[in-house]
């Protein structure tokens, strides 16, 4: 189940040139937007994979992975990175997206090792490195779960124009609350250059073709 952004938020999205298909968030809360300058599309009129080279910055982060290990973009040099933002207890968008991306990696066959899935949590209070890694391992053994401090997460989110919101707990249990986040899969090439932004609803076939296109170039 999804719902569109509020009228004001959608207006901001459109003024920034964000395709309406990406200006959505997972229910039950209204979320944010992963911005894409312009309305240029990859081949195919119905494609929701948008070239973003030159519009968004290179891959750059410092976050924490399994075992408390600090990871940066340098740990993924030479790999095509499929990055998206979510949280481990997300009921719908995140598991669906992880399943999609794991299928993309499988479709790549012998080239699968050239790709890494990075799942960045926007819920660092509940998502420990171990919880995140166990979550992504259920989909792909080479996927990486990343978390960090609130400041680290917010800094990275701002860098890639990702919006998210953590609601205040409504009951006595501080661990029970809702999270809303923007949707989109960021694709970086082997040099860490931002190349494409795909809708989380894009087909496995088109996502695989986009990755192969980057490999070929």
N, C-alpha and C. Protein backbone atom coordinates (compact mmCIF):
# COMPACT_ATOMS: atom_id res chain seq x y z
N UNK A 1 0.84 -1.18 0.00
CA UNK A 1 0.00 0.00 0.00
C UNK A 1 0.88 1.24 0.00
N UNK A 2 0.55 2.22 -0.86
CA UNK A 2 1.32 3.44 -0.95
C UNK A 2 0.39 4.63 -0.90
N UNK A 3 0.95 5.80 -0.64
CA UNK A 3 0.17 7.01 -0.83
C UNK A 3 1.09 8.10 -1.35
N UNK A 4 0.52 9.02 -2.12
CA UNK A 4 1.31 10.10 -2.67
C UNK A 4 1.73 11.06 -1.58
N UNK A 5 2.74 11.87 -1.88
CA UNK A 5 3.14 12.91 -0.98
C UNK A 5 1.99 13.90 -0.81
N UNK A 6 2.06 14.67 0.25
CA UNK A 6 1.09 15.73 0.44
C UNK A 6 1.22 16.72 -0.71
N UNK A 7 0.18 17.55 -0.91
CA UNK A 7 0.20 18.50 -2.02
C UNK A 7 1.42 19.40 -1.99
N UNK A 8 1.77 19.90 -0.81
CA UNK A 8 2.92 20.79 -0.69
C UNK A 8 4.21 20.08 -1.05
N UNK A 9 4.36 18.87 -0.52
CA UNK A 9 5.58 18.11 -0.79
C UNK A 9 5.67 17.74 -2.26
N UNK A 10 4.54 17.40 -2.87
CA UNK A 10 4.55 17.04 -4.28
C UNK A 10 4.91 18.25 -5.12
N UNK A 11 4.44 19.42 -4.71
CA UNK A 11 4.78 20.64 -5.44
C UNK A 11 6.27 20.90 -5.42
N UNK A 12 6.89 20.67 -4.24
CA UNK A 12 8.33 20.82 -4.13
C UNK A 12 9.04 19.82 -5.03
N UNK A 13 8.53 18.58 -5.05
CA UNK A 13 9.12 17.54 -5.88
C UNK A 13 9.08 17.93 -7.35
N UNK A 14 7.94 18.40 -7.81
CA UNK A 14 7.78 18.74 -9.22
C UNK A 14 8.63 19.95 -9.58
N UNK A 15 8.75 20.92 -8.67
CA UNK A 15 9.55 22.09 -8.95
C UNK A 15 11.03 21.74 -9.07
N UNK A 16 11.42 20.65 -8.43
CA UNK A 16 12.81 20.19 -8.51
C UNK A 16 13.03 19.27 -9.70
N UNK A 17 11.97 19.02 -10.46
CA UNK A 17 12.11 18.15 -11.62
C UNK A 17 12.06 16.69 -11.29
N UNK A 18 11.43 16.32 -10.18
CA UNK A 18 11.38 14.93 -9.75
C UNK A 18 10.23 14.22 -10.45
N UNK A 19 10.48 13.11 -11.12
CA UNK A 19 9.39 12.37 -11.76
C UNK A 19 8.34 11.97 -10.74
N UNK A 20 7.05 12.21 -11.02
CA UNK A 20 5.98 11.87 -10.07
C UNK A 20 6.02 10.42 -9.62
N UNK A 21 6.49 9.51 -10.48
CA UNK A 21 6.52 8.09 -10.12
C UNK A 21 7.42 7.84 -8.93
N UNK A 22 8.42 8.74 -8.73
CA UNK A 22 9.33 8.56 -7.60
C UNK A 22 8.91 9.39 -6.41
N UNK A 23 7.97 10.29 -6.59
CA UNK A 23 7.55 11.17 -5.51
C UNK A 23 6.50 10.50 -4.65
N UNK A 24 6.87 9.35 -4.06
CA UNK A 24 5.98 8.59 -3.23
C UNK A 24 6.75 8.07 -2.03
N UNK A 25 6.03 7.65 -1.00
CA UNK A 25 6.67 7.05 0.18
C UNK A 25 5.82 5.90 0.66
N UNK A 26 6.43 5.03 1.46
CA UNK A 26 5.69 3.88 1.95
C UNK A 26 4.69 4.29 3.01
N UNK A 27 3.51 3.70 2.99
CA UNK A 27 2.49 3.96 4.00
C UNK A 27 2.97 3.31 5.31
N UNK A 28 2.45 3.79 6.48
CA UNK A 28 1.29 4.65 6.62
C UNK A 28 1.59 6.13 6.67
N UNK A 29 2.86 6.55 6.75
CA UNK A 29 3.16 7.96 6.89
C UNK A 29 3.60 8.55 5.58
N UNK A 30 3.33 9.81 5.34
CA UNK A 30 3.85 10.48 4.15
C UNK A 30 5.35 10.59 4.30
N UNK A 31 6.08 10.36 3.23
CA UNK A 31 7.53 10.38 3.33
C UNK A 31 8.13 11.45 2.46
N UNK A 32 9.34 11.18 1.94
CA UNK A 32 10.03 12.20 1.19
C UNK A 32 10.31 11.79 -0.22
N UNK A 33 11.32 12.41 -0.79
CA UNK A 33 11.57 12.26 -2.21
C UNK A 33 13.04 12.07 -2.46
N UNK A 34 13.34 11.19 -3.39
CA UNK A 34 14.69 11.13 -3.91
C UNK A 34 14.68 11.95 -5.19
N UNK A 35 15.43 13.03 -5.22
CA UNK A 35 15.28 13.99 -6.30
C UNK A 35 16.07 13.60 -7.53
N UNK A 36 15.51 13.91 -8.69
CA UNK A 36 16.17 13.68 -9.96
C UNK A 36 16.02 14.93 -10.80
N UNK A 37 17.11 15.65 -11.10
CA UNK A 37 16.99 16.83 -11.92
C UNK A 37 16.59 16.45 -13.34
N UNK A 38 15.69 17.21 -13.94
CA UNK A 38 15.29 16.97 -15.31
C UNK A 38 14.36 15.79 -15.45
N UNK A 39 13.89 15.57 -16.67
CA UNK A 39 12.97 14.47 -16.90
C UNK A 39 13.47 13.54 -17.99
N UNK A 40 14.80 13.50 -18.16
CA UNK A 40 15.39 12.62 -19.15
C UNK A 40 15.24 11.18 -18.71
N UNK A 41 14.90 10.32 -19.64
CA UNK A 41 14.70 8.91 -19.32
C UNK A 41 15.69 8.05 -20.07
N UNK A 42 15.96 6.89 -19.49
CA UNK A 42 16.73 5.88 -20.19
C UNK A 42 15.87 5.34 -21.33
N UNK A 43 16.44 4.60 -22.29
CA UNK A 43 15.68 4.11 -23.43
C UNK A 43 14.40 3.41 -23.01
N UNK A 44 13.31 3.72 -23.71
CA UNK A 44 12.03 3.10 -23.39
C UNK A 44 11.11 4.11 -22.76
N UNK A 45 9.99 4.38 -23.40
CA UNK A 45 9.10 5.43 -22.93
C UNK A 45 8.54 5.16 -21.54
N UNK A 46 8.43 3.88 -21.19
CA UNK A 46 7.84 3.55 -19.90
C UNK A 46 8.90 3.30 -18.82
N UNK A 47 10.14 3.64 -19.12
CA UNK A 47 11.21 3.39 -18.17
C UNK A 47 11.12 4.33 -16.98
N UNK A 48 11.43 3.82 -15.83
CA UNK A 48 11.53 4.66 -14.63
C UNK A 48 12.95 4.61 -14.09
N UNK A 49 13.91 4.44 -14.98
CA UNK A 49 15.32 4.50 -14.63
C UNK A 49 15.86 5.79 -15.25
N UNK A 50 16.33 6.69 -14.39
CA UNK A 50 16.69 8.03 -14.83
C UNK A 50 18.19 8.25 -14.74
N UNK A 51 18.84 8.69 -15.82
CA UNK A 51 20.27 9.01 -15.76
C UNK A 51 20.49 10.23 -14.88
N UNK A 52 21.43 10.15 -13.96
CA UNK A 52 21.67 11.25 -13.03
C UNK A 52 23.14 11.66 -13.03
N UNK A 53 23.89 11.20 -13.99
CA UNK A 53 25.31 11.55 -14.04
C UNK A 53 25.47 13.06 -14.15
N UNK A 54 26.26 13.61 -13.26
CA UNK A 54 26.49 15.05 -13.28
C UNK A 54 25.51 15.83 -12.44
N UNK A 55 24.43 15.18 -11.97
CA UNK A 55 23.42 15.86 -11.17
C UNK A 55 23.53 15.54 -9.68
N UNK A 56 24.05 14.38 -9.35
CA UNK A 56 24.21 14.00 -7.96
C UNK A 56 25.69 13.68 -7.70
N UNK A 57 26.16 13.86 -6.48
CA UNK A 57 27.58 13.68 -6.17
C UNK A 57 28.02 12.22 -6.19
N UNK A 58 29.34 12.06 -6.23
CA UNK A 58 29.93 10.73 -6.20
C UNK A 58 29.57 10.02 -4.90
N UNK A 59 29.74 8.71 -4.92
CA UNK A 59 29.51 7.91 -3.72
C UNK A 59 30.52 8.31 -2.65
N UNK A 60 30.03 8.69 -1.49
CA UNK A 60 30.91 9.08 -0.39
C UNK A 60 30.16 8.92 0.92
N UNK A 61 30.73 8.15 1.84
CA UNK A 61 30.09 7.94 3.13
C UNK A 61 31.08 7.35 4.12
N UNK A 62 30.72 7.43 5.38
CA UNK A 62 31.44 6.73 6.45
C UNK A 62 30.38 6.21 7.40
N UNK A 63 30.15 4.89 7.34
CA UNK A 63 29.09 4.27 8.13
C UNK A 63 29.63 3.01 8.80
N UNK A 64 28.77 2.33 9.52
CA UNK A 64 29.19 1.15 10.28
C UNK A 64 28.50 -0.10 9.76
N UNK A 65 29.30 -1.14 9.55
CA UNK A 65 28.77 -2.42 9.09
C UNK A 65 28.85 -3.46 10.18
N UNK A 66 28.64 -4.70 9.81
CA UNK A 66 28.65 -5.81 10.76
C UNK A 66 29.96 -5.84 11.55
N UNK A 67 29.84 -6.20 12.81
CA UNK A 67 31.01 -6.28 13.67
C UNK A 67 31.53 -4.92 14.10
N UNK A 68 30.76 -3.85 13.83
CA UNK A 68 31.20 -2.52 14.20
C UNK A 68 32.28 -1.96 13.32
N UNK A 69 32.48 -2.58 12.15
CA UNK A 69 33.53 -2.13 11.24
C UNK A 69 33.11 -0.87 10.49
N UNK A 70 33.99 0.12 10.49
CA UNK A 70 33.71 1.34 9.73
C UNK A 70 33.98 1.10 8.25
N UNK A 71 33.02 1.44 7.42
CA UNK A 71 33.14 1.26 5.98
C UNK A 71 32.96 2.60 5.28
N UNK A 72 33.69 2.79 4.20
CA UNK A 72 33.56 3.99 3.39
C UNK A 72 33.41 3.57 1.93
N UNK A 73 33.25 4.56 1.07
CA UNK A 73 33.13 4.27 -0.36
C UNK A 73 34.37 3.58 -0.91
N UNK A 74 35.51 3.76 -0.26
CA UNK A 74 36.75 3.15 -0.74
C UNK A 74 36.70 1.62 -0.66
N UNK A 75 35.86 1.09 0.25
CA UNK A 75 35.74 -0.36 0.37
C UNK A 75 35.01 -0.97 -0.81
N UNK A 76 34.42 -0.13 -1.67
CA UNK A 76 33.65 -0.64 -2.79
C UNK A 76 34.17 -0.16 -4.14
N UNK A 77 35.42 0.30 -4.13
CA UNK A 77 36.04 0.71 -5.39
C UNK A 77 36.12 -0.48 -6.33
N UNK A 78 35.79 -0.26 -7.59
CA UNK A 78 35.80 -1.33 -8.57
C UNK A 78 34.51 -2.11 -8.63
N UNK A 79 33.53 -1.77 -7.79
CA UNK A 79 32.24 -2.44 -7.79
C UNK A 79 31.14 -1.47 -8.23
N UNK A 80 30.16 -1.98 -8.92
CA UNK A 80 28.95 -1.22 -9.17
C UNK A 80 28.10 -1.33 -7.92
N UNK A 81 27.64 -0.20 -7.41
CA UNK A 81 26.90 -0.17 -6.14
C UNK A 81 25.44 0.14 -6.39
N UNK A 82 24.58 -0.70 -5.82
CA UNK A 82 23.13 -0.48 -5.84
C UNK A 82 22.76 -0.09 -4.41
N UNK A 83 22.46 1.17 -4.19
CA UNK A 83 22.23 1.67 -2.83
C UNK A 83 20.79 2.15 -2.66
N UNK A 84 20.20 1.78 -1.55
CA UNK A 84 18.91 2.37 -1.21
C UNK A 84 18.76 2.50 0.29
N UNK A 85 17.83 3.34 0.69
CA UNK A 85 17.63 3.69 2.09
C UNK A 85 16.33 3.08 2.61
N UNK A 86 16.39 2.53 3.82
CA UNK A 86 15.20 1.92 4.39
C UNK A 86 15.44 1.55 5.84
N UNK A 87 14.76 0.52 6.30
CA UNK A 87 14.98 0.05 7.67
C UNK A 87 14.51 -1.40 7.78
N UNK A 88 15.09 -2.13 8.70
CA UNK A 88 14.91 -3.58 8.75
C UNK A 88 13.49 -4.02 9.06
N UNK A 89 12.74 -3.21 9.82
CA UNK A 89 11.37 -3.59 10.15
C UNK A 89 10.34 -3.01 9.19
N UNK A 90 10.78 -2.48 8.08
CA UNK A 90 9.89 -1.95 7.04
C UNK A 90 8.98 -3.08 6.56
N UNK A 91 7.66 -2.86 6.53
CA UNK A 91 6.74 -3.96 6.21
C UNK A 91 6.58 -4.30 4.74
N UNK A 92 6.93 -3.39 3.83
CA UNK A 92 6.62 -3.68 2.44
C UNK A 92 7.71 -3.25 1.45
N UNK A 93 8.03 -1.98 1.38
CA UNK A 93 8.94 -1.48 0.36
C UNK A 93 10.31 -2.12 0.43
N UNK A 94 10.90 -2.15 1.61
CA UNK A 94 12.29 -2.62 1.74
C UNK A 94 12.46 -4.11 1.40
N UNK A 95 11.64 -5.01 1.93
CA UNK A 95 11.83 -6.41 1.55
C UNK A 95 11.57 -6.65 0.06
N UNK A 96 10.63 -5.92 -0.50
CA UNK A 96 10.36 -6.07 -1.93
C UNK A 96 11.55 -5.60 -2.75
N UNK A 97 12.13 -4.47 -2.36
CA UNK A 97 13.29 -3.94 -3.08
C UNK A 97 14.50 -4.86 -2.92
N UNK A 98 14.72 -5.37 -1.72
CA UNK A 98 15.83 -6.29 -1.52
C UNK A 98 15.66 -7.54 -2.37
N UNK A 99 14.44 -8.03 -2.47
CA UNK A 99 14.19 -9.22 -3.29
C UNK A 99 14.48 -8.91 -4.77
N UNK A 100 14.07 -7.71 -5.22
CA UNK A 100 14.34 -7.31 -6.59
C UNK A 100 15.83 -7.26 -6.87
N UNK A 101 16.56 -6.60 -5.98
CA UNK A 101 17.99 -6.43 -6.20
C UNK A 101 18.74 -7.76 -6.13
N UNK A 102 18.30 -8.64 -5.26
CA UNK A 102 18.95 -9.95 -5.19
C UNK A 102 18.74 -10.72 -6.49
N UNK A 103 17.57 -10.55 -7.11
CA UNK A 103 17.31 -11.19 -8.40
C UNK A 103 18.17 -10.58 -9.50
N UNK A 104 18.39 -9.27 -9.42
CA UNK A 104 19.27 -8.61 -10.40
C UNK A 104 20.66 -9.22 -10.32
N UNK A 105 21.18 -9.36 -9.11
CA UNK A 105 22.51 -9.93 -8.93
C UNK A 105 22.55 -11.35 -9.49
N UNK A 106 21.51 -12.13 -9.24
CA UNK A 106 21.47 -13.50 -9.77
C UNK A 106 21.45 -13.50 -11.29
N UNK A 107 20.71 -12.55 -11.88
CA UNK A 107 20.62 -12.47 -13.34
C UNK A 107 21.96 -12.14 -13.98
N UNK A 108 22.84 -11.52 -13.23
CA UNK A 108 24.14 -11.13 -13.78
C UNK A 108 25.09 -12.30 -13.94
N UNK A 109 24.77 -13.43 -13.33
CA UNK A 109 25.58 -14.63 -13.51
C UNK A 109 27.02 -14.44 -13.08
N UNK A 110 27.95 -14.66 -14.00
CA UNK A 110 29.37 -14.56 -13.68
C UNK A 110 29.81 -13.15 -13.33
N UNK A 111 29.00 -12.17 -13.67
CA UNK A 111 29.34 -10.78 -13.36
C UNK A 111 28.80 -10.33 -12.01
N UNK A 112 28.16 -11.22 -11.29
CA UNK A 112 27.52 -10.85 -10.02
C UNK A 112 28.50 -10.28 -9.01
N UNK A 113 29.73 -10.77 -9.02
CA UNK A 113 30.71 -10.32 -8.02
C UNK A 113 31.16 -8.88 -8.27
N UNK A 114 30.78 -8.33 -9.44
CA UNK A 114 31.15 -6.95 -9.75
C UNK A 114 30.17 -5.95 -9.14
N UNK A 115 29.15 -6.46 -8.45
CA UNK A 115 28.08 -5.61 -7.92
C UNK A 115 27.93 -5.81 -6.42
N UNK A 116 27.62 -4.72 -5.71
CA UNK A 116 27.32 -4.81 -4.29
C UNK A 116 26.04 -4.03 -3.99
N UNK A 117 25.18 -4.63 -3.18
CA UNK A 117 23.97 -3.97 -2.71
C UNK A 117 24.28 -3.34 -1.35
N UNK A 118 24.01 -2.05 -1.21
CA UNK A 118 24.20 -1.37 0.07
C UNK A 118 22.83 -0.92 0.58
N UNK A 119 22.46 -1.41 1.74
CA UNK A 119 21.20 -1.07 2.38
C UNK A 119 21.51 -0.14 3.55
N UNK A 120 21.14 1.13 3.42
CA UNK A 120 21.44 2.13 4.45
C UNK A 120 20.21 2.34 5.33
N UNK A 121 20.36 2.12 6.62
CA UNK A 121 19.22 2.26 7.53
C UNK A 121 18.99 3.72 7.90
N UNK A 122 17.72 4.13 7.87
CA UNK A 122 17.34 5.46 8.36
C UNK A 122 16.76 5.34 9.77
N UNK A 123 16.91 4.16 10.36
CA UNK A 123 16.38 3.90 11.71
C UNK A 123 17.51 3.37 12.59
N UNK A 124 18.53 4.23 12.86
CA UNK A 124 19.70 3.74 13.60
C UNK A 124 19.42 3.37 15.05
N UNK A 125 18.30 3.79 15.59
CA UNK A 125 17.98 3.46 16.98
C UNK A 125 17.67 1.97 17.15
N UNK A 126 16.99 1.40 16.16
CA UNK A 126 16.62 -0.02 16.25
C UNK A 126 17.53 -0.91 15.42
N UNK A 127 18.08 -0.39 14.35
CA UNK A 127 18.86 -1.22 13.43
C UNK A 127 20.34 -1.23 13.81
N UNK A 128 20.73 -2.21 14.60
CA UNK A 128 22.14 -2.40 14.91
C UNK A 128 22.83 -2.99 13.69
N UNK A 129 24.15 -2.91 13.60
CA UNK A 129 24.86 -3.51 12.47
C UNK A 129 24.54 -4.99 12.30
N UNK A 130 24.41 -5.71 13.42
CA UNK A 130 24.14 -7.15 13.33
C UNK A 130 22.73 -7.43 12.82
N UNK A 131 21.76 -6.65 13.29
CA UNK A 131 20.39 -6.81 12.82
C UNK A 131 20.31 -6.54 11.32
N UNK A 132 20.96 -5.48 10.89
CA UNK A 132 20.94 -5.12 9.47
C UNK A 132 21.59 -6.18 8.61
N UNK A 133 22.74 -6.67 9.05
CA UNK A 133 23.44 -7.66 8.23
C UNK A 133 22.66 -8.97 8.14
N UNK A 134 22.06 -9.38 9.24
CA UNK A 134 21.23 -10.58 9.21
C UNK A 134 20.05 -10.39 8.26
N UNK A 135 19.52 -9.18 8.24
CA UNK A 135 18.39 -8.86 7.36
C UNK A 135 18.79 -8.98 5.89
N UNK A 136 19.88 -8.33 5.50
CA UNK A 136 20.26 -8.35 4.08
C UNK A 136 20.79 -9.72 3.67
N UNK A 137 21.41 -10.45 4.59
CA UNK A 137 21.92 -11.79 4.28
C UNK A 137 20.80 -12.73 3.86
N UNK A 138 19.59 -12.46 4.35
CA UNK A 138 18.45 -13.31 4.00
C UNK A 138 18.10 -13.18 2.52
N UNK A 139 18.58 -12.10 1.89
CA UNK A 139 18.29 -11.87 0.48
C UNK A 139 19.50 -12.13 -0.42
N UNK A 140 20.66 -11.65 0.02
CA UNK A 140 21.86 -11.77 -0.81
C UNK A 140 23.08 -11.82 0.10
N UNK A 141 23.90 -12.84 -0.08
CA UNK A 141 25.04 -13.05 0.82
C UNK A 141 26.13 -12.00 0.67
N UNK A 142 26.09 -11.24 -0.44
CA UNK A 142 27.10 -10.21 -0.65
C UNK A 142 26.57 -8.81 -0.36
N UNK A 143 25.32 -8.70 0.04
CA UNK A 143 24.75 -7.39 0.37
C UNK A 143 25.32 -6.90 1.69
N UNK A 144 25.36 -5.58 1.84
CA UNK A 144 25.94 -4.97 3.03
C UNK A 144 24.90 -4.08 3.71
N UNK A 145 24.69 -4.29 5.01
CA UNK A 145 23.83 -3.42 5.79
C UNK A 145 24.66 -2.36 6.47
N UNK A 146 24.25 -1.10 6.37
CA UNK A 146 25.02 0.01 6.93
C UNK A 146 24.17 0.88 7.83
N UNK A 147 24.74 1.29 8.94
CA UNK A 147 24.07 2.21 9.85
C UNK A 147 25.11 3.20 10.38
N UNK A 148 24.71 4.00 11.35
CA UNK A 148 25.64 4.97 11.89
C UNK A 148 24.92 5.84 12.91
N UNK A 149 25.52 6.96 13.23
CA UNK A 149 24.89 7.90 14.14
C UNK A 149 23.79 8.66 13.38
N UNK A 150 22.94 9.34 14.14
CA UNK A 150 21.91 10.15 13.49
C UNK A 150 22.54 11.16 12.55
N UNK A 151 23.63 11.75 12.98
CA UNK A 151 24.30 12.77 12.16
C UNK A 151 24.86 12.16 10.88
N UNK A 152 25.46 10.99 10.98
CA UNK A 152 26.02 10.35 9.78
C UNK A 152 24.92 10.02 8.78
N UNK A 153 23.81 9.49 9.28
CA UNK A 153 22.71 9.12 8.39
C UNK A 153 22.10 10.36 7.75
N UNK A 154 21.85 11.39 8.53
CA UNK A 154 21.22 12.59 7.98
C UNK A 154 22.13 13.28 6.98
N UNK A 155 23.43 13.24 7.21
CA UNK A 155 24.38 13.85 6.28
C UNK A 155 24.36 13.13 4.93
N UNK A 156 24.34 11.81 4.98
CA UNK A 156 24.30 11.04 3.74
C UNK A 156 22.96 11.24 3.03
N UNK A 157 21.89 11.28 3.80
CA UNK A 157 20.57 11.49 3.20
C UNK A 157 20.50 12.84 2.49
N UNK A 158 21.04 13.87 3.11
CA UNK A 158 21.05 15.19 2.47
C UNK A 158 21.89 15.18 1.21
N UNK A 159 22.97 14.45 1.24
CA UNK A 159 23.88 14.39 0.08
C UNK A 159 23.14 13.88 -1.15
N UNK A 160 22.26 12.90 -0.96
CA UNK A 160 21.56 12.30 -2.09
C UNK A 160 20.07 12.66 -2.12
N UNK A 161 19.72 13.74 -1.39
CA UNK A 161 18.36 14.29 -1.42
C UNK A 161 17.32 13.24 -1.02
N UNK A 162 17.66 12.48 -0.04
CA UNK A 162 16.76 11.46 0.48
C UNK A 162 16.03 12.04 1.68
N UNK A 163 14.72 11.85 1.74
CA UNK A 163 13.94 12.34 2.87
C UNK A 163 13.44 11.17 3.70
N UNK A 164 13.44 11.35 5.01
CA UNK A 164 12.87 10.33 5.89
C UNK A 164 12.38 11.01 7.16
N UNK A 165 11.49 10.34 7.84
CA UNK A 165 10.92 10.90 9.06
C UNK A 165 10.65 9.78 10.06
N UNK A 166 11.10 9.98 11.29
CA UNK A 166 10.86 9.03 12.37
C UNK A 166 9.82 9.63 13.31
N UNK A 167 8.70 8.97 13.42
CA UNK A 167 7.63 9.47 14.28
C UNK A 167 7.97 9.20 15.76
N UNK A 168 7.41 10.00 16.63
CA UNK A 168 7.59 9.77 18.06
C UNK A 168 6.78 8.55 18.49
N UNK A 169 7.31 7.76 19.43
CA UNK A 169 6.53 6.61 19.95
C UNK A 169 5.19 7.08 20.48
N UNK A 170 4.15 6.30 20.20
CA UNK A 170 2.81 6.70 20.62
C UNK A 170 2.37 6.01 21.92
N UNK A 171 3.13 5.04 22.36
CA UNK A 171 2.78 4.33 23.59
C UNK A 171 3.91 4.36 24.59
N UNK A 172 3.89 3.41 25.50
CA UNK A 172 4.91 3.35 26.53
C UNK A 172 6.22 2.72 26.05
N UNK A 173 6.13 1.96 24.94
CA UNK A 173 7.31 1.28 24.42
C UNK A 173 8.05 2.21 23.43
N UNK A 174 9.23 2.66 23.82
CA UNK A 174 10.00 3.59 22.99
C UNK A 174 10.49 2.97 21.69
N UNK A 175 10.42 1.65 21.58
CA UNK A 175 10.91 0.98 20.37
C UNK A 175 9.82 0.79 19.32
N UNK A 176 8.61 1.25 19.63
CA UNK A 176 7.49 1.10 18.69
C UNK A 176 7.14 2.46 18.12
N UNK A 177 7.48 2.66 16.86
CA UNK A 177 7.18 3.92 16.18
C UNK A 177 7.21 3.69 14.67
N UNK A 178 6.69 4.64 13.94
CA UNK A 178 6.62 4.53 12.50
C UNK A 178 7.75 5.31 11.83
N UNK A 179 8.18 4.82 10.69
CA UNK A 179 9.22 5.48 9.92
C UNK A 179 8.74 5.63 8.48
N UNK A 180 8.93 6.80 7.93
CA UNK A 180 8.62 7.04 6.51
C UNK A 180 9.92 7.39 5.81
N UNK A 181 10.06 6.95 4.57
CA UNK A 181 11.30 7.25 3.84
C UNK A 181 11.04 7.29 2.35
N UNK A 182 11.90 8.01 1.66
CA UNK A 182 11.76 8.12 0.21
C UNK A 182 12.17 6.81 -0.45
N UNK A 183 11.72 6.67 -1.67
CA UNK A 183 11.93 5.42 -2.40
C UNK A 183 12.81 5.67 -3.60
N UNK A 184 13.69 4.74 -3.89
CA UNK A 184 14.54 4.87 -5.06
C UNK A 184 15.81 4.07 -4.90
N UNK A 185 16.33 3.58 -6.01
CA UNK A 185 17.56 2.79 -6.01
C UNK A 185 18.63 3.60 -6.74
N UNK A 186 19.69 3.94 -6.02
CA UNK A 186 20.80 4.70 -6.60
C UNK A 186 21.82 3.72 -7.16
N UNK A 187 22.24 3.96 -8.38
CA UNK A 187 23.21 3.08 -9.03
C UNK A 187 24.48 3.87 -9.32
N UNK A 188 25.60 3.42 -8.76
CA UNK A 188 26.90 4.06 -8.94
C UNK A 188 27.81 3.13 -9.75
N UNK A 189 28.65 3.71 -10.59
CA UNK A 189 29.55 2.88 -11.38
C UNK A 189 30.78 2.49 -10.57
N UNK A 190 31.72 1.80 -11.23
CA UNK A 190 32.89 1.26 -10.55
C UNK A 190 33.80 2.33 -9.96
N UNK A 191 33.67 3.55 -10.44
CA UNK A 191 34.48 4.66 -9.92
C UNK A 191 33.73 5.48 -8.88
N UNK A 192 32.52 5.02 -8.53
CA UNK A 192 31.74 5.72 -7.53
C UNK A 192 30.96 6.90 -8.08
N UNK A 193 30.84 7.01 -9.39
CA UNK A 193 30.07 8.08 -10.01
C UNK A 193 28.59 7.72 -10.00
N UNK A 194 27.75 8.66 -9.58
CA UNK A 194 26.30 8.44 -9.61
C UNK A 194 25.86 8.37 -11.07
N UNK A 195 25.22 7.28 -11.45
CA UNK A 195 24.85 7.08 -12.86
C UNK A 195 23.35 7.05 -13.10
N UNK A 196 22.60 6.36 -12.24
CA UNK A 196 21.17 6.19 -12.48
C UNK A 196 20.40 6.16 -11.17
N UNK A 197 19.13 6.57 -11.25
CA UNK A 197 18.20 6.44 -10.13
C UNK A 197 16.98 5.70 -10.66
N UNK A 198 16.66 4.58 -10.03
CA UNK A 198 15.55 3.74 -10.49
C UNK A 198 14.43 3.72 -9.48
N UNK A 199 13.22 3.62 -9.97
CA UNK A 199 12.07 3.43 -9.10
C UNK A 199 12.18 2.07 -8.44
N UNK A 200 11.73 1.97 -7.18
CA UNK A 200 11.75 0.68 -6.50
C UNK A 200 10.79 -0.30 -7.16
N UNK A 201 9.87 0.20 -8.01
CA UNK A 201 8.94 -0.67 -8.70
C UNK A 201 9.40 -1.11 -10.06
N UNK A 202 10.64 -0.75 -10.42
CA UNK A 202 11.16 -1.14 -11.73
C UNK A 202 11.34 -2.64 -11.82
N UNK A 203 11.24 -3.16 -13.03
CA UNK A 203 11.35 -4.60 -13.23
C UNK A 203 12.79 -5.07 -13.06
N UNK A 204 12.94 -6.32 -12.69
CA UNK A 204 14.26 -6.93 -12.56
C UNK A 204 15.00 -6.88 -13.88
N UNK A 205 14.28 -7.09 -14.98
CA UNK A 205 14.90 -7.10 -16.30
C UNK A 205 15.51 -5.75 -16.64
N UNK A 206 14.77 -4.67 -16.37
CA UNK A 206 15.29 -3.34 -16.70
C UNK A 206 16.43 -2.93 -15.78
N UNK A 207 16.32 -3.30 -14.52
CA UNK A 207 17.41 -3.01 -13.60
C UNK A 207 18.68 -3.75 -14.02
N UNK A 208 18.53 -5.00 -14.40
CA UNK A 208 19.68 -5.79 -14.84
C UNK A 208 20.29 -5.19 -16.09
N UNK A 209 19.44 -4.76 -17.02
CA UNK A 209 19.93 -4.13 -18.26
C UNK A 209 20.68 -2.84 -17.95
N UNK A 210 20.19 -2.06 -16.97
CA UNK A 210 20.86 -0.82 -16.59
C UNK A 210 22.25 -1.10 -16.03
N UNK A 211 22.36 -2.13 -15.19
CA UNK A 211 23.65 -2.49 -14.63
C UNK A 211 24.60 -2.96 -15.73
N UNK A 212 24.10 -3.77 -16.64
CA UNK A 212 24.94 -4.25 -17.75
C UNK A 212 25.40 -3.08 -18.64
N UNK A 213 24.53 -2.09 -18.79
CA UNK A 213 24.88 -0.92 -19.58
C UNK A 213 26.07 -0.18 -18.96
N UNK A 214 26.06 -0.08 -17.62
CA UNK A 214 27.17 0.56 -16.93
C UNK A 214 28.43 -0.27 -17.07
N UNK A 215 28.30 -1.58 -16.96
CA UNK A 215 29.47 -2.45 -17.13
C UNK A 215 30.08 -2.29 -18.51
N UNK A 216 29.23 -2.17 -19.51
CA UNK A 216 29.72 -2.07 -20.89
C UNK A 216 30.40 -0.74 -21.16
N UNK A 217 30.00 0.28 -20.40
CA UNK A 217 30.57 1.61 -20.66
C UNK A 217 31.84 1.86 -19.87
